[in-house]
Amino acid sequence: MLELLWREGQSEITRYKVHYPITTPPKAEPPQVTDNTVAKSGVFDVLLGTFLHDVELMNITFSSGVMTVAEANARGINVQQHGLPNGSRTFSIQVPFSDPVHINQEFTTYTLPLIFGLIILPEYTPFPHPALVETTLQDITLPTIVGTCDDEHFLVIVTYGNQGKNFHIYVGTQNISAELYTDYGVQENSTHFTMTVPFLANEIVFEVRCFFTLRGRLDLTLWEPINSWHLNNFSLACEFPLTMTECFSNGTITALAVKVESAAQIVPSQLSLTDPLCKPKFSNSRFAYFSFAASSCGTTRTFYDDVMVYQNEISVLTVSCYYLLNDTQTLTFFTKPGRNEPFAELGVGELQVGMRLAKDPSYNSFYMEEDYPITQYLQQPLYFEVELVQSPDPQIELVLENCWATVNDGVSVMSWDLIVNGCENLDDRYQTTFHPVGLEDRVPYPPHLKRFEIKMFTFVKDDTVLRDQIFVHCEAVICDINQTDTICKRRCPSQQGNIKRGRRNTGHEPLHRLHVSSGKVLLTTSHDSHLNKLLT
């Protein structure tokens, strides 16, 4: 601004102001490149500045090519902008020595050539600024580590380098001393060091537990004590087969809880099942082992189609057991794995049913396997017992759906129905008789047993005995006593003809069916005259 003042004679002062734009010559302040690299850190650290607020960093040219700021950060190169109190700014970049954009010259010097691509706003006027950074390390060949895994061990080989074994080897935080050489199967010579570390060793870190595997990690550190140098850090993670949940036919369930790295605060000995009184049978600093009956510790039971699921929880970990009711097979249950999310564990078991032939109606003495074949007179009673073996669950019941006799132990054209759809065959002259089962020392769960009686007979055609032997077969169904089902709660008809001879109803096919058979029963030949009398 220009201001003019004048006076004419005795008049007052006249004031006149004129505004002119004035441009001063710029002060030269070229950007400065500051090398803050510390060689032991393994990272180039470069600072470029300072700039006014209208300067932006757009890209950086490395020896391998041009990258935008976003692309460089995505590659693990740390590029940042820093604002200063006076409104100016600087830019920093950190590049690891291991990144392929630097040039490694032999063993000692690492060189990082850069060209910063900058623009001035708002005109978007571009201008570059080159920089060259170098750093030097000691001229040594560092030891190297390689490793692999088998089903039970980590296998590690350490190559010493050109300085020999001038370092200590740490597994986790444990220095491998002479006491651990035997446990880890250590072997060494002048150039190499090998060891075999069990995956359940205390120094192994457990990362993730899956359905049938445990992911463990071995951390190795090579430490040079004289200069306090970390010569090498090595980690190897592998998955090892490990049974987490088992379900047994006697109703026992076992489960293994593992403390993983992401849940380091858990104390295994303090874990419990749904019933807080059910504690681990065994525990240490990393494992808790549970063994419990399917009908205890708050275990729940659910029916899904053809499986019966027993489920319990270990704190935040759900344990599920799937028992097949009509066959024995392996079931797979998947969840999306997560480090911090509880997920269901799967186990598979089977329920067993057996058939025995009693010697008398007391059902206290039975024929053994070595007693077969058994001989019996015509029309003499045979006392059969079918039992659900080793199950402790009082909420399930065994129901005989169909029983029939054949002339051989396999599929036979000749057969005769004894029990049809849970009821006596009313078309049979000598009907099957059901015997009630009461509570006794040998029978803790009466619903798990069914007893019935038939009269010894043989297959005849045109008054001729076709075969003098029979086998008895039964199809059994497992039922929930708290639910109604067409088979499990069937009422037997009282009138002749509701059940047709020689045919079993196939309109309803229960999903939970098991099959059992007796041994061979022979018709004795001592009563031939009695047989002929019956045939006439």
Protein backbone atom coordinates (compact mmCIF):
# COMPACT_ATOMS: atom_id res chain seq x y z
CA MET A 1 0.00 0.00 0.00
CA LEU A 2 1.26 3.55 -0.91
CA GLU A 3 -0.05 6.61 1.05
CA LEU A 4 0.39 10.26 -0.26
CA LEU A 5 -0.03 13.34 2.02
CA TRP A 6 0.00 17.08 0.93
CA ARG A 7 -1.22 20.51 2.04
CA GLU A 8 -2.10 23.58 -0.07
CA GLY A 9 -1.72 26.88 1.74
CA GLN A 10 -3.56 26.92 5.01
CA SER A 11 -5.88 24.05 4.05
CA GLU A 12 -5.98 20.75 5.87
CA ILE A 13 -3.76 17.83 4.95
CA THR A 14 -4.95 15.77 2.03
CA ARG A 15 -4.48 11.99 2.35
CA TYR A 16 -4.37 9.63 -0.69
CA LYS A 17 -3.85 5.85 -0.47
CA VAL A 18 -2.89 3.62 -3.40
CA HIS A 19 -2.82 -0.25 -3.20
CA TYR A 20 -0.26 -2.03 -5.45
CA PRO A 21 0.50 -5.78 -5.50
CA ILE A 22 4.12 -6.43 -4.61
CA THR A 23 5.98 -9.68 -5.32
CA THR A 24 9.10 -10.42 -3.29
CA PRO A 25 11.76 -12.82 -4.58
CA PRO A 26 11.35 -16.39 -3.11
CA LYS A 27 13.76 -17.60 -0.48
CA ALA A 28 15.48 -20.79 -1.58
CA GLU A 29 14.93 -23.65 0.92
CA PRO A 30 15.58 -26.96 -0.90
CA PRO A 31 14.17 -30.14 0.75
CA GLN A 32 16.55 -32.00 3.02
CA VAL A 33 16.92 -35.79 3.18
CA THR A 34 17.67 -37.05 6.70
CA ASP A 35 18.89 -40.64 7.15
CA ASN A 36 17.69 -41.98 10.53
CA THR A 37 18.52 -45.62 9.75
CA VAL A 38 19.78 -47.86 12.58
CA ALA A 39 21.45 -50.86 10.95
CA LYS A 40 20.56 -53.34 13.72
CA SER A 41 16.86 -52.60 13.27
CA GLY A 42 16.96 -53.96 9.71
CA VAL A 43 14.92 -51.01 8.37
CA PHE A 44 15.85 -47.96 6.26
CA ASP A 45 14.41 -44.84 7.97
CA VAL A 46 14.38 -41.69 5.77
CA LEU A 47 12.86 -38.24 6.47
CA LEU A 48 12.22 -35.69 3.65
CA GLY A 49 11.27 -32.03 4.34
CA THR A 50 10.28 -29.48 5.14
CA PHE A 51 7.52 -28.34 2.76
CA LEU A 52 4.70 -25.82 2.82
CA HIS A 53 1.16 -27.03 3.33
CA ASP A 54 0.41 -27.04 -0.41
CA VAL A 55 2.92 -29.82 -1.24
CA GLU A 56 1.71 -33.44 -1.50
CA LEU A 57 3.68 -36.70 -1.92
CA MET A 58 2.14 -38.71 -4.78
CA ASN A 59 4.53 -41.59 -5.50
CA ILE A 60 7.98 -43.02 -4.86
CA THR A 61 10.30 -44.56 -7.44
CA PHE A 62 12.30 -47.59 -6.25
CA SER A 63 14.77 -49.66 -8.24
CA SER A 64 11.94 -52.10 -8.96
CA GLY A 65 9.47 -49.48 -10.23
CA VAL A 66 7.08 -46.70 -9.24
CA MET A 67 4.60 -47.10 -6.38
CA THR A 68 1.92 -44.77 -5.13
CA VAL A 69 1.84 -44.03 -1.42
CA ALA A 70 -1.08 -46.43 -0.97
CA GLU A 71 0.68 -49.21 -2.91
CA ALA A 72 3.86 -48.76 -0.88
CA ASN A 73 1.98 -49.00 2.41
CA ALA A 74 0.16 -52.10 1.16
CA ARG A 75 3.56 -53.70 0.48
CA GLY A 76 4.60 -53.17 4.10
CA ILE A 77 6.62 -50.01 3.38
CA ASN A 78 5.70 -47.42 5.98
CA VAL A 79 5.10 -44.00 4.31
CA GLN A 80 3.75 -41.21 6.52
CA GLN A 81 3.10 -37.46 6.42
CA HIS A 82 3.97 -35.36 9.51
CA GLY A 83 2.50 -31.91 10.24
CA LEU A 84 4.57 -29.27 12.09
CA PRO A 85 3.19 -26.54 14.41
CA ASN A 86 3.99 -23.75 11.89
CA GLY A 87 1.83 -25.40 9.22
CA SER A 88 4.67 -26.96 7.23
CA ARG A 89 5.03 -30.71 6.73
CA THR A 90 7.56 -33.52 6.25
CA PHE A 91 7.38 -37.05 4.83
CA SER A 92 8.99 -40.21 6.22
CA ILE A 93 9.53 -43.66 4.70
CA GLN A 94 10.65 -46.91 6.33
CA VAL A 95 11.77 -49.81 4.09
CA PRO A 96 12.85 -53.21 5.55
CA PHE A 97 16.22 -54.51 4.39
CA SER A 98 14.45 -57.72 3.38
CA ASP A 99 12.13 -55.94 0.94
CA PRO A 100 13.13 -56.60 -2.69
CA VAL A 101 13.05 -52.89 -3.62
CA HIS A 102 16.51 -52.35 -2.14
CA ILE A 103 19.80 -53.45 -3.67
CA ASN A 104 21.92 -55.78 -1.55
CA GLN A 105 25.57 -55.37 -2.52
CA GLU A 106 27.52 -58.41 -1.37
CA PHE A 107 27.32 -58.80 2.42
CA THR A 108 27.90 -55.43 4.06
CA THR A 109 26.25 -52.50 2.28
CA TYR A 110 22.55 -52.04 1.69
CA THR A 111 21.65 -49.30 -0.80
CA LEU A 112 18.23 -47.73 -1.23
CA PRO A 113 17.83 -45.33 -4.20
CA LEU A 114 14.62 -43.27 -4.13
CA ILE A 115 12.87 -40.59 -6.18
CA PHE A 116 10.05 -38.81 -4.38
CA GLY A 117 7.25 -37.67 -6.69
CA LEU A 118 5.72 -34.42 -5.27
CA ILE A 119 3.09 -31.94 -6.49
CA ILE A 120 2.16 -28.36 -5.57
CA LEU A 121 -1.51 -27.55 -5.03
CA PRO A 122 -3.80 -26.26 -6.40
CA GLU A 123 -2.00 -26.15 -9.76
CA TYR A 124 -0.86 -29.82 -9.39
CA THR A 125 2.61 -28.80 -10.50
CA PRO A 126 4.81 -31.89 -10.22
CA PHE A 127 8.44 -31.93 -9.13
CA PRO A 128 10.74 -34.84 -8.17
CA HIS A 129 13.34 -35.09 -5.45
CA PRO A 130 15.97 -37.87 -5.51
CA ALA A 131 17.55 -39.52 -2.48
CA LEU A 132 20.15 -42.24 -1.94
CA VAL A 133 20.47 -44.03 1.41
CA GLU A 134 23.18 -46.51 2.37
CA THR A 135 23.86 -48.49 5.53
CA THR A 136 26.50 -51.04 6.50
CA LEU A 137 26.41 -54.14 8.70
CA GLN A 138 29.16 -56.30 10.12
CA ASP A 139 30.65 -58.70 7.60
CA ILE A 140 29.41 -62.04 8.98
CA THR A 141 27.42 -64.97 7.66
CA LEU A 142 24.52 -65.43 10.02
CA PRO A 143 23.33 -68.88 11.07
CA THR A 144 20.23 -70.19 9.31
CA ILE A 145 17.33 -72.34 10.49
CA VAL A 146 15.06 -74.68 8.53
CA GLY A 147 12.38 -77.00 9.85
CA THR A 148 9.50 -79.36 9.13
CA CYS A 149 7.05 -81.55 11.07
CA ASP A 150 5.84 -85.13 11.29
CA ASP A 151 2.73 -86.30 13.17
CA GLU A 152 4.31 -85.82 16.61
CA HIS A 153 7.45 -83.66 16.35
CA PHE A 154 9.04 -80.47 15.08
CA LEU A 155 12.22 -81.31 13.13
CA VAL A 156 14.76 -78.43 13.08
CA ILE A 157 18.21 -77.98 11.50
CA VAL A 158 20.45 -75.01 12.47
CA THR A 159 23.42 -74.19 10.20
CA TYR A 160 26.07 -72.25 12.13
CA GLY A 161 27.41 -69.75 9.54
CA ASN A 162 31.03 -68.55 9.32
CA GLN A 163 31.36 -67.71 13.01
CA GLY A 164 30.77 -71.24 14.32
CA LYS A 165 28.48 -71.90 17.25
CA ASN A 166 29.03 -68.64 19.12
CA PHE A 167 25.39 -68.33 20.18
CA HIS A 168 22.76 -69.82 22.46
CA ILE A 169 19.62 -71.53 21.14
CA TYR A 170 16.35 -70.69 22.88
CA VAL A 171 13.13 -72.68 22.39
CA GLY A 172 10.54 -70.14 23.44
CA THR A 173 12.14 -68.65 26.54
CA GLN A 174 14.01 -71.84 27.47
CA ASN A 175 17.74 -72.02 26.79
CA ILE A 176 18.57 -75.47 25.42
CA SER A 177 20.99 -76.81 27.98
CA ALA A 178 22.58 -80.23 28.23
CA GLU A 179 19.62 -81.49 30.30
CA LEU A 180 17.26 -81.00 27.34
CA TYR A 181 19.53 -82.65 24.77
CA THR A 182 18.01 -86.08 25.44
CA ASP A 183 14.39 -84.82 25.50
CA TYR A 184 14.87 -83.03 22.18
CA GLY A 185 17.04 -85.67 20.49
CA VAL A 186 19.84 -83.16 19.88
CA GLN A 187 22.67 -84.04 17.49
CA GLU A 188 25.45 -81.63 16.51
CA ASN A 189 28.75 -81.37 14.67
CA SER A 190 31.06 -78.53 13.60
CA THR A 191 28.60 -77.08 11.08
CA HIS A 192 25.08 -78.17 12.06
CA PHE A 193 22.76 -78.64 15.00
CA THR A 194 19.60 -80.79 14.73
CA MET A 195 16.82 -81.47 17.21
CA THR A 196 13.42 -83.18 17.37
CA VAL A 197 10.97 -81.38 19.66
CA PRO A 198 7.72 -83.16 20.71
CA PHE A 199 4.69 -81.03 19.91
CA LEU A 200 3.44 -81.48 23.51
CA ALA A 201 6.66 -80.08 24.99
CA ASN A 202 6.14 -77.26 27.50
CA GLU A 203 7.92 -74.76 25.25
CA ILE A 204 5.48 -75.24 22.34
CA VAL A 205 2.79 -72.57 21.91
CA PHE A 206 -0.70 -73.83 21.03
CA GLU A 207 -2.33 -71.50 18.49
CA VAL A 208 -5.63 -73.13 17.44
CA ARG A 209 -7.51 -76.27 18.43
CA CYS A 210 -9.67 -77.80 15.70
CA PHE A 211 -11.93 -80.86 15.67
CA PHE A 212 -9.25 -83.50 15.36
CA THR A 213 -6.02 -81.47 15.26
CA LEU A 214 -4.03 -79.06 17.42
CA ARG A 215 -1.99 -76.30 15.78
CA GLY A 216 1.30 -75.78 17.64
CA ARG A 217 4.12 -73.29 17.08
CA LEU A 218 7.82 -73.65 17.79
CA ASP A 219 9.70 -70.35 18.36
CA LEU A 220 13.50 -70.43 18.10
CA THR A 221 15.91 -67.59 18.88
CA LEU A 222 19.66 -67.57 18.24
CA TRP A 223 21.24 -65.21 20.79
CA GLU A 224 24.88 -64.04 20.75
CA PRO A 225 25.56 -63.13 24.40
CA ILE A 226 28.83 -61.17 24.06
CA ASN A 227 27.35 -58.38 21.93
CA SER A 228 23.70 -59.11 22.87
CA TRP A 229 22.79 -59.76 19.24
CA HIS A 230 19.69 -61.55 17.95
CA LEU A 231 21.28 -63.55 15.15
CA ASN A 232 18.07 -65.22 13.96
CA ASN A 233 14.43 -65.58 14.94
CA PHE A 234 12.55 -68.60 13.58
CA SER A 235 8.94 -69.78 13.95
CA LEU A 236 7.42 -73.03 12.65
CA ALA A 237 3.68 -73.79 12.99
CA CYS A 238 2.15 -77.20 12.17
CA GLU A 239 -1.10 -79.09 12.79
CA PHE A 240 -0.85 -82.35 14.74
CA PRO A 241 -3.55 -85.05 15.03
CA LEU A 242 -5.05 -85.13 18.53
CA THR A 243 -8.35 -86.64 19.69
CA MET A 244 -10.32 -83.97 21.54
CA THR A 245 -13.60 -85.80 22.22
CA GLU A 246 -14.41 -89.52 22.45
CA CYS A 247 -17.79 -91.20 22.91
CA PHE A 248 -17.95 -94.80 24.12
CA SER A 249 -20.72 -97.39 23.75
CA ASN A 250 -21.15 -97.63 27.54
CA GLY A 251 -22.25 -93.97 27.63
CA THR A 252 -18.92 -92.55 28.80
CA ILE A 253 -17.78 -89.28 27.21
CA THR A 254 -14.23 -87.91 27.42
CA ALA A 255 -13.18 -84.42 26.38
CA LEU A 256 -9.85 -82.59 26.32
CA ALA A 257 -9.74 -78.81 26.80
CA VAL A 258 -6.57 -77.06 25.62
CA LYS A 259 -5.37 -73.60 26.62
CA VAL A 260 -4.43 -71.75 23.43
CA GLU A 261 -2.39 -68.60 22.94
CA SER A 262 -5.42 -66.35 22.46
CA ALA A 263 -6.90 -67.49 25.81
CA ALA A 264 -3.78 -67.39 27.94
CA GLN A 265 -5.74 -66.21 30.99
CA ILE A 266 -7.66 -69.51 31.32
CA VAL A 267 -6.67 -71.77 34.23
CA PRO A 268 -7.47 -75.37 33.12
CA SER A 269 -7.92 -76.68 36.67
CA GLN A 270 -10.73 -74.16 37.22
CA LEU A 271 -12.78 -75.33 34.23
CA SER A 272 -15.95 -77.32 34.78
CA LEU A 273 -18.82 -78.90 32.88
CA THR A 274 -22.37 -77.50 32.87
CA ASP A 275 -22.67 -78.85 36.40
CA PRO A 276 -20.01 -76.79 38.25
CA LEU A 277 -19.31 -79.77 40.52
CA CYS A 278 -17.95 -81.77 37.54
CA LYS A 279 -14.27 -80.84 37.51
CA PRO A 280 -11.44 -82.25 35.35
CA LYS A 281 -10.19 -85.75 36.13
CA PHE A 282 -6.71 -84.42 35.29
CA SER A 283 -5.32 -80.96 34.61
CA ASN A 284 -2.04 -79.09 34.34
CA SER A 285 -1.01 -75.65 33.14
CA ARG A 286 -2.21 -76.31 29.57
CA PHE A 287 -4.72 -79.20 29.57
CA ALA A 288 -7.92 -80.23 31.33
CA TYR A 289 -9.20 -83.80 30.82
CA PHE A 290 -12.85 -84.63 31.55
CA SER A 291 -14.49 -88.06 31.77
CA PHE A 292 -18.21 -88.27 32.56
CA ALA A 293 -21.35 -90.31 31.92
CA ALA A 294 -23.81 -89.18 29.27
CA SER A 295 -26.54 -88.96 31.92
CA SER A 296 -24.55 -86.79 34.36
CA CYS A 297 -22.96 -83.36 34.78
CA GLY A 298 -25.84 -81.51 33.13
CA THR A 299 -25.48 -83.32 29.80
CA THR A 300 -28.43 -82.73 27.49
CA ARG A 301 -29.84 -85.17 24.94
CA THR A 302 -31.54 -84.30 21.65
CA PHE A 303 -32.87 -86.46 18.78
CA TYR A 304 -32.09 -85.35 15.21
CA ASP A 305 -33.33 -87.69 12.47
CA ASP A 306 -31.22 -90.84 12.88
CA VAL A 307 -28.83 -89.62 15.58
CA MET A 308 -29.12 -89.02 19.30
CA VAL A 309 -26.92 -86.10 20.45
CA TYR A 310 -25.50 -85.78 23.95
CA GLN A 311 -24.08 -82.31 24.62
CA ASN A 312 -22.26 -80.59 27.46
CA GLU A 313 -20.16 -77.47 27.89
CA ILE A 314 -16.69 -76.92 29.29
CA SER A 315 -16.90 -73.27 30.34
CA VAL A 316 -17.19 -71.57 26.91
CA LEU A 317 -16.38 -74.75 24.95
CA THR A 318 -19.29 -76.89 23.72
CA VAL A 319 -18.77 -80.67 23.59
CA SER A 320 -21.24 -82.77 21.53
CA CYS A 321 -21.50 -86.57 21.17
CA TYR A 322 -23.46 -88.07 18.26
CA TYR A 323 -24.67 -91.67 18.76
CA LEU A 324 -25.98 -93.42 15.65
CA LEU A 325 -29.13 -95.38 16.36
CA ASN A 326 -29.38 -97.57 13.27
CA ASP A 327 -25.79 -98.08 12.19
CA THR A 328 -22.18 -97.32 13.03
CA GLN A 329 -20.54 -94.64 10.91
CA THR A 330 -18.46 -91.49 11.20
CA LEU A 331 -20.28 -88.15 11.30
CA THR A 332 -18.57 -84.84 10.54
CA PHE A 333 -19.72 -81.56 12.09
CA PHE A 334 -18.25 -78.30 10.78
CA THR A 335 -18.15 -74.81 12.26
CA LYS A 336 -16.33 -71.73 11.10
CA PRO A 337 -13.09 -71.75 13.11
CA GLY A 338 -12.14 -68.70 15.09
CA ARG A 339 -9.46 -67.99 17.64
CA ASN A 340 -11.78 -66.46 20.21
CA GLU A 341 -15.13 -68.05 19.34
CA PRO A 342 -16.44 -71.15 21.11
CA PHE A 343 -17.26 -73.99 18.79
CA ALA A 344 -18.74 -77.43 19.05
CA GLU A 345 -16.59 -80.51 19.41
CA LEU A 346 -17.76 -83.72 17.74
CA GLY A 347 -17.61 -87.30 18.95
CA VAL A 348 -19.14 -90.49 17.55
CA GLY A 349 -20.39 -93.57 19.44
CA GLU A 350 -22.67 -96.56 19.03
CA LEU A 351 -25.40 -98.27 21.05
CA GLN A 352 -25.24 -102.07 21.24
CA VAL A 353 -28.14 -104.52 21.48
CA GLY A 354 -27.76 -108.20 22.31
CA MET A 355 -30.08 -111.25 22.28
CA ARG A 356 -29.78 -114.21 24.67
CA LEU A 357 -31.72 -117.45 25.20
CA ALA A 358 -32.60 -118.24 28.83
CA LYS A 359 -32.70 -121.78 30.19
CA ASP A 360 -35.94 -121.23 32.14
CA PRO A 361 -38.61 -118.55 32.73
CA SER A 362 -36.66 -117.06 35.65
CA TYR A 363 -34.20 -115.53 33.16
CA ASN A 364 -31.37 -116.05 35.64
CA SER A 365 -29.36 -118.55 33.61
CA PHE A 366 -28.56 -118.24 29.91
CA TYR A 367 -27.01 -120.39 27.20
CA MET A 368 -23.47 -119.32 26.34
CA GLU A 369 -22.05 -119.01 22.84
CA GLU A 370 -20.23 -122.31 23.15
CA ASP A 371 -23.56 -124.08 23.99
CA TYR A 372 -24.95 -123.57 20.48
CA PRO A 373 -26.56 -125.27 18.63
CA ILE A 374 -29.20 -125.91 21.29
CA THR A 375 -31.69 -128.79 21.01
CA GLN A 376 -35.34 -128.52 22.09
CA TYR A 377 -38.47 -130.61 21.84
CA LEU A 378 -41.38 -129.57 19.68
CA GLN A 379 -43.78 -127.10 21.40
CA GLN A 380 -41.39 -126.69 24.32
CA PRO A 381 -40.87 -123.03 25.32
CA LEU A 382 -37.91 -120.91 24.27
CA TYR A 383 -37.23 -117.87 26.47
CA PHE A 384 -35.56 -114.94 24.66
CA GLU A 385 -34.18 -111.73 26.15
CA VAL A 386 -33.14 -108.66 24.08
CA GLU A 387 -31.07 -106.03 25.95
CA LEU A 388 -29.67 -102.54 25.29
CA VAL A 389 -26.08 -103.12 26.45
CA GLN A 390 -24.08 -100.75 28.70
CA SER A 391 -26.23 -97.65 28.26
CA PRO A 392 -26.73 -95.67 31.53
CA ASP A 393 -29.46 -93.39 30.13
CA PRO A 394 -32.74 -93.96 32.00
CA GLN A 395 -34.68 -91.77 29.54
CA ILE A 396 -34.55 -94.21 26.61
CA GLU A 397 -36.44 -97.47 26.04
CA LEU A 398 -35.81 -100.54 23.90
CA VAL A 399 -38.87 -101.63 21.86
CA LEU A 400 -39.10 -104.83 19.80
CA GLU A 401 -40.65 -103.82 16.48
CA ASN A 402 -40.45 -107.11 14.53
CA CYS A 403 -39.23 -110.63 15.34
CA TRP A 404 -39.32 -113.63 13.03
CA ALA A 405 -37.88 -117.12 12.63
CA THR A 406 -35.94 -118.50 9.66
CA VAL A 407 -34.32 -121.80 8.76
CA ASN A 408 -30.83 -120.28 8.50
CA ASP A 409 -28.82 -117.42 9.89
CA GLY A 410 -28.99 -115.25 6.76
CA VAL A 411 -31.71 -114.11 4.39
CA SER A 412 -34.20 -116.93 4.02
CA VAL A 413 -37.19 -117.45 1.74
CA MET A 414 -38.89 -119.42 4.51
CA SER A 415 -39.71 -117.27 7.55
CA TRP A 416 -42.45 -116.97 10.16
CA ASP A 417 -43.42 -113.80 12.01
CA LEU A 418 -43.35 -113.94 15.80
CA ILE A 419 -43.76 -110.23 16.60
CA VAL A 420 -45.18 -107.77 14.06
CA ASN A 421 -45.12 -104.00 14.55
CA GLY A 422 -44.47 -104.44 18.28
CA CYS A 423 -47.31 -106.97 18.88
CA GLU A 424 -47.82 -110.75 18.97
CA ASN A 425 -48.67 -112.37 15.64
CA LEU A 426 -52.38 -113.06 16.16
CA ASP A 427 -52.35 -115.35 13.12
CA ASP A 428 -50.06 -117.80 14.95
CA ARG A 429 -51.73 -120.78 16.67
CA TYR A 430 -49.07 -120.63 19.39
CA GLN A 431 -48.77 -116.91 20.00
CA THR A 432 -45.65 -115.22 21.31
CA THR A 433 -45.88 -114.28 25.00
CA PHE A 434 -44.27 -111.12 26.38
CA HIS A 435 -42.86 -111.33 29.93
CA PRO A 436 -42.63 -108.18 32.08
CA VAL A 437 -39.22 -107.00 33.30
CA GLY A 438 -38.89 -105.68 36.85
CA LEU A 439 -36.13 -103.86 38.70
CA GLU A 440 -33.48 -106.24 40.02
CA ASP A 441 -29.74 -106.34 40.72
CA ARG A 442 -28.95 -107.43 37.19
CA VAL A 443 -31.44 -105.00 35.61
CA PRO A 444 -30.89 -101.39 36.78
CA TYR A 445 -32.99 -100.04 33.87
CA PRO A 446 -36.00 -102.29 33.08
CA PRO A 447 -36.96 -100.27 29.94
CA HIS A 448 -33.65 -101.44 28.43
CA LEU A 449 -34.78 -105.12 28.34
CA LYS A 450 -37.55 -107.02 26.56
CA ARG A 451 -38.39 -110.69 27.20
CA PHE A 452 -40.66 -112.99 25.20
CA GLU A 453 -41.46 -116.68 24.92
CA ILE A 454 -42.23 -118.82 21.85
CA LYS A 455 -43.00 -122.49 21.36
CA MET A 456 -40.44 -124.62 19.53
CA PHE A 457 -41.66 -125.35 16.02
CA THR A 458 -40.31 -126.39 12.63
CA PHE A 459 -41.05 -125.51 9.03
CA VAL A 460 -43.22 -128.07 7.22
CA LYS A 461 -44.73 -128.41 3.76
CA ASP A 462 -47.36 -130.98 2.82
CA ASP A 463 -46.93 -132.60 6.26
CA THR A 464 -43.21 -132.98 5.60
CA VAL A 465 -40.56 -131.43 7.86
CA LEU A 466 -38.40 -129.21 5.65
CA ARG A 467 -35.69 -128.33 8.18
CA ASP A 468 -35.17 -129.34 11.81
CA GLN A 469 -33.59 -126.03 12.89
CA ILE A 470 -34.63 -122.39 13.39
CA PHE A 471 -32.97 -119.02 13.96
CA VAL A 472 -34.77 -116.11 15.64
CA HIS A 473 -34.18 -112.51 14.52
CA CYS A 474 -35.45 -109.20 15.93
CA GLU A 475 -35.50 -105.57 14.89
CA ALA A 476 -35.29 -103.23 17.90
CA VAL A 477 -36.05 -99.52 18.13
CA ILE A 478 -34.53 -96.96 20.55
CA CYS A 479 -37.19 -94.56 21.88
CA ASP A 480 -37.33 -91.46 24.06
CA ILE A 481 -39.70 -92.35 26.90
CA ASN A 482 -40.90 -88.73 27.06
CA GLN A 483 -42.10 -88.67 23.46
CA THR A 484 -44.95 -90.45 21.70
CA ASP A 485 -44.19 -92.44 18.58
CA THR A 486 -46.21 -94.82 16.42
CA ILE A 487 -43.81 -97.68 17.17
CA CYS A 488 -42.69 -96.81 20.71
CA LYS A 489 -46.22 -96.22 22.12
CA ARG A 490 -48.17 -98.70 19.94
CA ARG A 491 -51.25 -100.41 21.34
CA CYS A 492 -51.59 -103.98 20.17
CA PRO A 493 -54.89 -105.06 18.49
CA SER A 494 -57.09 -107.58 20.21
CA GLN A 495 -58.92 -109.02 17.21
CA GLN A 496 -57.76 -111.68 14.84
CA GLY A 497 -56.91 -110.53 11.36
CA ASN A 498 -55.52 -107.07 12.05
CA ILE A 499 -52.07 -108.47 11.44
CA LYS A 500 -51.57 -110.64 8.36
CA ARG A 501 -49.56 -113.81 8.56
CA GLY A 502 -46.06 -113.90 7.09
CA ARG A 503 -45.85 -110.18 6.37
CA ARG A 504 -44.39 -107.34 8.45
CA ASN A 505 -45.80 -103.83 8.07
CA THR A 506 -43.44 -101.62 6.08
CA GLY A 507 -45.68 -98.55 5.96
CA HIS A 508 -43.81 -97.04 8.92
CA GLU A 509 -40.03 -97.35 8.87
CA PRO A 510 -38.57 -96.16 12.21
CA LEU A 511 -35.30 -94.36 11.85
CA HIS A 512 -33.66 -95.80 15.01
CA ARG A 513 -33.61 -99.56 14.26
CA LEU A 514 -31.04 -102.18 15.29
CA HIS A 515 -30.94 -105.86 14.29
CA VAL A 516 -30.04 -108.88 16.47
CA SER A 517 -30.19 -112.66 15.90
CA SER A 518 -30.07 -115.77 18.07
CA GLY A 519 -27.92 -118.82 17.62
CA LYS A 520 -29.12 -122.08 16.02
CA VAL A 521 -31.88 -124.02 17.80
CA LEU A 522 -32.28 -127.66 16.68
CA LEU A 523 -35.43 -129.74 16.90
CA THR A 524 -34.57 -132.89 18.84
CA THR A 525 -35.33 -136.23 17.12
CA SER A 526 -36.29 -138.03 20.34
CA HIS A 527 -39.97 -137.16 19.95
CA ASP A 528 -40.62 -138.17 16.34
CA SER A 529 -43.87 -139.82 17.30
CA HIS A 530 -45.03 -136.67 19.03
CA LEU A 531 -44.17 -134.65 15.91
CA ASN A 532 -46.14 -136.99 13.67
CA LYS A 533 -49.11 -136.67 15.99
CA LEU A 534 -49.05 -132.91 15.72
CA LEU A 535 -48.81 -133.00 11.94
CA THR A 536 -51.87 -135.21 11.71
